[in-house]
Amino acid sequence: MHLREGPGASKNSAMATYVYETIPTKPGGKPKHFEIKQSMSEAALTRHPETGEPIRRVVTGGFGVMGTKASPESGGSTHRPSGGSCGCGAGGCRG
């Protein structure tokens, strides 16, 4: 995959890297996958920025930690509302 910058990319906005694929125009055609760095507030592209081919953004899975952990020194609780950061629940990982 190749990484390109989208037309709205700037140093002042939150940026994300998105995976796109071409939409084959002929039956049996294989899509080409590539990455584009864009502002998170920018709409998904519909045309390849260099070739003009029709494209679509590919929704992929990711990794993230939801919730927060406050330190006892800051006066906060160490309780995690969603259980462990791994998502195993209140008991956490046992492996």
Foldseek 3Di string as FASTA:
>chain_A
DEEEEDPADDPPADKDKFKKWFDDPDPPDDIDIDIYIYGPPDDFDQADPPPRTGMGTDDDDDDDFDFDADDVVVVDHRDGPQDDSVNPGVVPDDD
